[in-house]
């Protein structure tokens, strides 16, 4: 049974930082592309950052230079380091594991709220 469990969401002031984690189990983690996605109230879910099995990364324009995605294949975990957070970053952040477009697995999500 595949499980993705996110953690690290919190209430933070504008300009602050957070680090999200997503721990995976039940899959060959190193072979999967992993990604962070977010959905704000009343908006569609959007891709934030992805990292391939080979370590190549891709970011949404809105987070480039502020967010960093990384993975630790020894711990079956990905991270999202978020700096200079803005109110528009407020959303539920979820992680996804993908294998060559054949299947996807999603976590339950963690809430990030940026507010003074």
C-alpha atoms as a PDB file:
ATOM      1  CA  UNK A   1       0.000   0.000   0.000  1.00  0.00           C
ATOM      2  CA  UNK A   2       1.451   3.314  -1.106  1.00  0.00           C
ATOM      3  CA  UNK A   3       1.393   6.159   1.378  1.00  0.00           C
ATOM      4  CA  UNK A   4       2.549   9.752   1.025  1.00  0.00           C
ATOM      5  CA  UNK A   5       2.479  11.774   4.225  1.00  0.00           C
ATOM      6  CA  UNK A   6       3.103  15.500   4.182  1.00  0.00           C
ATOM      7  CA  UNK A   7       4.145  17.563   7.176  1.00  0.00           C
ATOM      8  CA  UNK A   8       5.499  20.997   8.022  1.00  0.00           C
ATOM      9  CA  UNK A   9       2.570  23.226   7.160  1.00  0.00           C
ATOM     10  CA  UNK A  10       1.932  26.124   9.513  1.00  0.00           C
ATOM     11  CA  UNK A  11       0.837  29.720   9.923  1.00  0.00           C
ATOM     12  CA  UNK A  12       3.699  32.065   9.047  1.00  0.00           C
ATOM     13  CA  UNK A  13       4.080  35.795   8.569  1.00  0.00           C
ATOM     14  CA  UNK A  14       4.834  37.308   5.164  1.00  0.00           C
ATOM     15  CA  UNK A  15       8.540  37.107   4.465  1.00  0.00           C
ATOM     16  CA  UNK A  16       8.898  34.026   6.616  1.00  0.00           C
ATOM     17  CA  UNK A  17      10.098  30.537   5.777  1.00  0.00           C
ATOM     18  CA  UNK A  18       8.827  26.982   6.061  1.00  0.00           C
ATOM     19  CA  UNK A  19      10.085  23.544   5.101  1.00  0.00           C
ATOM     20  CA  UNK A  20       7.593  20.924   4.003  1.00  0.00           C
ATOM     21  CA  UNK A  21       8.333  17.204   3.996  1.00  0.00           C
ATOM     22  CA  UNK A  22       6.672  14.314   2.205  1.00  0.00           C
ATOM     23  CA  UNK A  23       7.541  10.809   3.383  1.00  0.00           C
ATOM     24  CA  UNK A  24       6.733   7.973   0.984  1.00  0.00           C
ATOM     25  CA  UNK A  25       6.305   4.267   1.600  1.00  0.00           C
ATOM     26  CA  UNK A  26       5.148   1.260  -0.355  1.00  0.00           C
ATOM     27  CA  UNK A  27       6.802   2.213  -3.646  1.00  0.00           C
ATOM     28  CA  UNK A  28      10.231   2.218  -5.274  1.00  0.00           C
ATOM     29  CA  UNK A  29      10.786   5.835  -4.353  1.00  0.00           C
ATOM     30  CA  UNK A  30      13.980   6.407  -6.326  1.00  0.00           C
ATOM     31  CA  UNK A  31      12.263   5.567  -9.610  1.00  0.00           C
ATOM     32  CA  UNK A  32       9.428   8.066  -9.230  1.00  0.00           C
ATOM     33  CA  UNK A  33       9.174  11.678 -10.241  1.00  0.00           C
ATOM     34  CA  UNK A  34       8.018  13.582  -7.178  1.00  0.00           C
ATOM     35  CA  UNK A  35       6.246  16.891  -7.020  1.00  0.00           C
ATOM     36  CA  UNK A  36       4.614  19.488  -4.838  1.00  0.00           C
ATOM     37  CA  UNK A  37       1.240  20.913  -5.811  1.00  0.00           C
ATOM     38  CA  UNK A  38      -0.988  23.442  -4.130  1.00  0.00           C
ATOM     39  CA  UNK A  39      -4.623  24.434  -4.136  1.00  0.00           C
ATOM     40  CA  UNK A  40      -5.908  27.691  -2.735  1.00  0.00           C
ATOM     41  CA  UNK A  41      -9.588  28.185  -1.859  1.00  0.00           C
ATOM     42  CA  UNK A  42     -11.649  28.713  -4.988  1.00  0.00           C
ATOM     43  CA  UNK A  43      -8.731  28.001  -7.299  1.00  0.00           C
ATOM     44  CA  UNK A  44      -7.545  25.046  -9.335  1.00  0.00           C
ATOM     45  CA  UNK A  45      -4.679  22.920  -8.119  1.00  0.00           C
ATOM     46  CA  UNK A  46      -1.366  24.000  -9.610  1.00  0.00           C
ATOM     47  CA  UNK A  47       2.084  22.516  -9.861  1.00  0.00           C
ATOM     48  CA  UNK A  48       4.624  24.197  -7.601  1.00  0.00           C
ATOM     49  CA  UNK A  49       7.804  22.165  -8.140  1.00  0.00           C
ATOM     50  CA  UNK A  50       8.832  18.754  -9.429  1.00  0.00           C
ATOM     51  CA  UNK A  51      11.975  16.655  -9.209  1.00  0.00           C
ATOM     52  CA  UNK A  52      12.707  13.673 -11.422  1.00  0.00           C
ATOM     53  CA  UNK A  53      14.341  10.414 -10.424  1.00  0.00           C
ATOM     54  CA  UNK A  54      17.561  11.823 -11.857  1.00  0.00           C
ATOM     55  CA  UNK A  55      17.314  15.010  -9.804  1.00  0.00           C
ATOM     56  CA  UNK A  56      16.187  17.466 -12.477  1.00  0.00           C
ATOM     57  CA  UNK A  57      13.909  20.152 -11.083  1.00  0.00           C
ATOM     58  CA  UNK A  58      11.185  22.383 -12.451  1.00  0.00           C
ATOM     59  CA  UNK A  59       9.404  25.297 -10.770  1.00  0.00           C
ATOM     60  CA  UNK A  60       6.339  27.407 -11.304  1.00  0.00           C
ATOM     61  CA  UNK A  61       7.303  30.942 -12.299  1.00  0.00           C
ATOM     62  CA  UNK A  62       5.583  32.294  -9.196  1.00  0.00           C
ATOM     63  CA  UNK A  63       7.979  30.467  -6.857  1.00  0.00           C
ATOM     64  CA  UNK A  64      11.274  30.547  -8.762  1.00  0.00           C
ATOM     65  CA  UNK A  65      14.063  31.922  -6.609  1.00  0.00           C
ATOM     66  CA  UNK A  66      12.022  31.464  -3.420  1.00  0.00           C
ATOM     67  CA  UNK A  67      11.241  27.720  -3.235  1.00  0.00           C
ATOM     68  CA  UNK A  68      13.616  24.764  -3.495  1.00  0.00           C
ATOM     69  CA  UNK A  69      12.583  21.147  -3.979  1.00  0.00           C
ATOM     70  CA  UNK A  70      14.928  18.324  -2.997  1.00  0.00           C
ATOM     71  CA  UNK A  71      14.818  14.598  -2.411  1.00  0.00           C
ATOM     72  CA  UNK A  72      16.573  12.112  -0.156  1.00  0.00           C
ATOM     73  CA  UNK A  73      16.293   8.645  -1.683  1.00  0.00           C
ATOM     74  CA  UNK A  74      17.762   7.088   1.463  1.00  0.00           C
ATOM     75  CA  UNK A  75      14.859   8.449   3.512  1.00  0.00           C
ATOM     76  CA  UNK A  76      12.181   8.141   0.795  1.00  0.00           C
ATOM     77  CA  UNK A  77      11.388  11.786   1.404  1.00  0.00           C
ATOM     78  CA  UNK A  78      11.086  14.983  -0.569  1.00  0.00           C
ATOM     79  CA  UNK A  79      11.282  18.481   0.799  1.00  0.00           C
ATOM     80  CA  UNK A  80      10.086  21.925  -0.201  1.00  0.00           C
ATOM     81  CA  UNK A  81      12.080  24.776   1.273  1.00  0.00           C
ATOM     82  CA  UNK A  82       9.956  27.921   1.047  1.00  0.00           C
ATOM     83  CA  UNK A  83      11.462  31.352   1.657  1.00  0.00           C
ATOM     84  CA  UNK A  84      10.114  34.894   1.431  1.00  0.00           C
ATOM     85  CA  UNK A  85       6.581  33.584   1.701  1.00  0.00           C
ATOM     86  CA  UNK A  86       3.742  35.746   0.435  1.00  0.00           C
ATOM     87  CA  UNK A  87       0.025  35.753   1.277  1.00  0.00           C
ATOM     88  CA  UNK A  88      -0.657  34.365  -2.200  1.00  0.00           C
ATOM     89  CA  UNK A  89       1.307  31.238  -1.240  1.00  0.00           C
ATOM     90  CA  UNK A  90      -1.508  30.309   1.148  1.00  0.00           C
ATOM     91  CA  UNK A  91      -2.875  26.922   0.083  1.00  0.00           C
ATOM     92  CA  UNK A  92      -3.056  23.233   0.851  1.00  0.00           C
ATOM     93  CA  UNK A  93       0.225  21.728  -0.350  1.00  0.00           C
ATOM     94  CA  UNK A  94       0.191  18.106  -1.509  1.00  0.00           C
ATOM     95  CA  UNK A  95       2.880  15.826  -2.836  1.00  0.00           C
ATOM     96  CA  UNK A  96       2.564  13.443  -5.749  1.00  0.00           C
ATOM     97  CA  UNK A  97       4.576  10.455  -6.897  1.00  0.00           C
ATOM     98  CA  UNK A  98       4.479   9.669 -10.617  1.00  0.00           C
ATOM     99  CA  UNK A  99       5.937   6.821 -12.629  1.00  0.00           C
ATOM    100  CA  UNK A 100       6.444   7.477 -16.357  1.00  0.00           C
ATOM    101  CA  UNK A 101       2.875   8.740 -16.786  1.00  0.00           C
ATOM    102  CA  UNK A 102       1.527   5.312 -15.901  1.00  0.00           C
ATOM    103  CA  UNK A 103       0.296   6.009 -12.373  1.00  0.00           C
ATOM    104  CA  UNK A 104       0.146   8.727  -9.745  1.00  0.00           C
ATOM    105  CA  UNK A 105      -0.118   8.651  -5.978  1.00  0.00           C
ATOM    106  CA  UNK A 106      -1.176  11.607  -3.864  1.00  0.00           C
ATOM    107  CA  UNK A 107      -0.789  12.582  -0.247  1.00  0.00           C
ATOM    108  CA  UNK A 108      -3.500  14.177   1.885  1.00  0.00           C
ATOM    109  CA  UNK A 109      -1.913  17.615   2.005  1.00  0.00           C
ATOM    110  CA  UNK A 110      -0.703  20.094   4.586  1.00  0.00           C
ATOM    111  CA  UNK A 111      -2.022  23.623   5.133  1.00  0.00           C
ATOM    112  CA  UNK A 112       0.254  26.608   4.645  1.00  0.00           C
ATOM    113  CA  UNK A 113      -1.140  29.973   5.690  1.00  0.00           C
ATOM    114  CA  UNK A 114       0.805  33.189   5.153  1.00  0.00           C
ATOM    115  CA  UNK A 115      -0.725  36.033   7.095  1.00  0.00           C
ATOM    116  CA  UNK A 116       0.202  38.808   9.480  1.00  0.00           C
END
